[in-house]
Amino acid sequence: MDKAVKQEIIKKYARKEGDTGSPEVQIALLSNRISALTEHLRSNKKDNSTRRGLLAMVALRKKLLSYLARENRARYITLTDELGIRRAK
């Protein structure tokens, strides 16, 4: 992910100017990296170190999503709809 794409994602999901640590921004950035690594692993099936990193990112995103669902359900629903992430039951 290049710098311009990252800045665009941060600008879109930030709560205020200069916000890079909110759960929404972190989840959006992780989702972008997860989709890029998924494409990489489709062509490089034996790259197990990348697979391990991908699983760690998925676990971190899941933790952030559960936190956001607990704290603000409305933002959780809108974010999952925008990013196309399945919701937990």
Protein backbone atom coordinates (compact mmCIF):
# COMPACT_ATOMS: atom_id res chain seq x y z
CA MET A 1 0.00 0.00 0.00
CA ASP A 2 1.50 3.28 -1.02
CA LYS A 3 1.37 6.50 0.96
CA ALA A 4 -1.37 8.15 -1.14
CA VAL A 5 -3.78 5.23 -0.69
CA LYS A 6 -3.09 5.15 3.05
CA GLN A 7 -3.73 8.89 3.42
CA GLU A 8 -6.97 8.57 1.43
CA ILE A 9 -8.22 5.78 3.72
CA ILE A 10 -7.26 7.77 6.82
CA LYS A 11 -9.04 10.87 5.51
CA LYS A 12 -12.19 8.89 4.70
CA TYR A 13 -12.56 7.11 8.06
CA ALA A 14 -11.01 9.61 10.50
CA ARG A 15 -13.25 11.12 13.16
CA LYS A 16 -11.36 14.43 13.08
CA GLU A 17 -8.31 15.98 11.43
CA GLY A 18 -5.11 14.05 12.19
CA ASP A 19 -6.92 11.00 13.58
CA THR A 20 -5.00 7.81 12.83
CA GLY A 21 -5.66 5.74 15.94
CA SER A 22 -9.43 5.40 16.04
CA PRO A 23 -10.78 1.88 15.59
CA GLU A 24 -12.48 2.83 12.32
CA VAL A 25 -9.20 3.94 10.73
CA GLN A 26 -7.29 0.94 12.03
CA ILE A 27 -9.94 -1.49 10.77
CA ALA A 28 -10.04 0.16 7.33
CA LEU A 29 -6.23 0.05 6.99
CA LEU A 30 -6.11 -3.57 8.14
CA SER A 31 -8.86 -4.51 5.68
CA ASN A 32 -6.87 -3.00 2.83
CA ARG A 33 -3.71 -4.88 3.84
CA ILE A 34 -5.66 -8.12 4.34
CA SER A 35 -7.14 -7.95 0.84
CA ALA A 36 -3.69 -7.26 -0.67
CA LEU A 37 -2.12 -10.19 1.19
CA THR A 38 -4.98 -12.46 0.21
CA GLU A 39 -4.30 -11.72 -3.45
CA HIS A 40 -0.59 -12.36 -2.89
CA LEU A 41 -1.30 -15.72 -1.28
CA ARG A 42 -3.52 -16.81 -4.17
CA SER A 43 -0.47 -16.81 -6.43
CA ASN A 44 2.12 -17.80 -3.78
CA LYS A 45 0.48 -20.73 -2.02
CA LYS A 46 3.60 -21.86 -0.13
CA ASP A 47 4.41 -18.49 1.45
CA ASN A 48 3.72 -19.55 5.02
CA SER A 49 5.35 -16.57 6.73
CA THR A 50 2.97 -14.22 4.93
CA ARG A 51 0.07 -16.51 5.81
CA ARG A 52 1.02 -16.28 9.49
CA GLY A 53 1.14 -12.48 9.31
CA LEU A 54 -2.22 -12.44 7.53
CA LEU A 55 -3.81 -14.52 10.28
CA ALA A 56 -2.43 -12.14 12.91
CA MET A 57 -3.93 -9.17 11.04
CA VAL A 58 -7.30 -10.90 10.78
CA ALA A 59 -7.25 -11.60 14.52
CA LEU A 60 -6.37 -7.98 15.32
CA ARG A 61 -9.14 -6.70 13.05
CA LYS A 62 -11.60 -9.05 14.75
CA LYS A 63 -10.60 -7.68 18.17
CA LEU A 64 -10.99 -4.09 16.98
CA LEU A 65 -14.38 -4.88 15.45
CA SER A 66 -15.65 -6.44 18.67
CA TYR A 67 -14.44 -3.38 20.62
CA LEU A 68 -16.23 -1.06 18.20
CA ALA A 69 -19.40 -3.16 18.40
CA ARG A 70 -19.37 -2.86 22.19
CA GLU A 71 -18.63 0.87 22.28
CA ASN A 72 -20.71 2.22 19.39
CA ARG A 73 -23.00 -0.21 17.59
CA ALA A 74 -24.13 2.32 14.95
CA ARG A 75 -20.57 3.07 13.77
CA TYR A 76 -19.83 -0.68 13.77
CA ILE A 77 -22.78 -1.37 11.46
CA THR A 78 -21.95 1.45 9.05
CA LEU A 79 -18.26 0.49 8.93
CA THR A 80 -18.93 -3.18 8.25
CA ASP A 81 -21.39 -2.23 5.50
CA GLU A 82 -18.89 0.14 3.85
CA LEU A 83 -15.98 -2.31 3.99
CA GLY A 84 -18.01 -5.41 3.16
CA ILE A 85 -17.09 -7.26 6.36
CA ARG A 86 -19.42 -9.90 7.72
CA ARG A 87 -20.78 -9.09 11.17
CA ALA A 88 -20.47 -11.31 14.22
CA LYS A 89 -23.66 -12.77 15.59
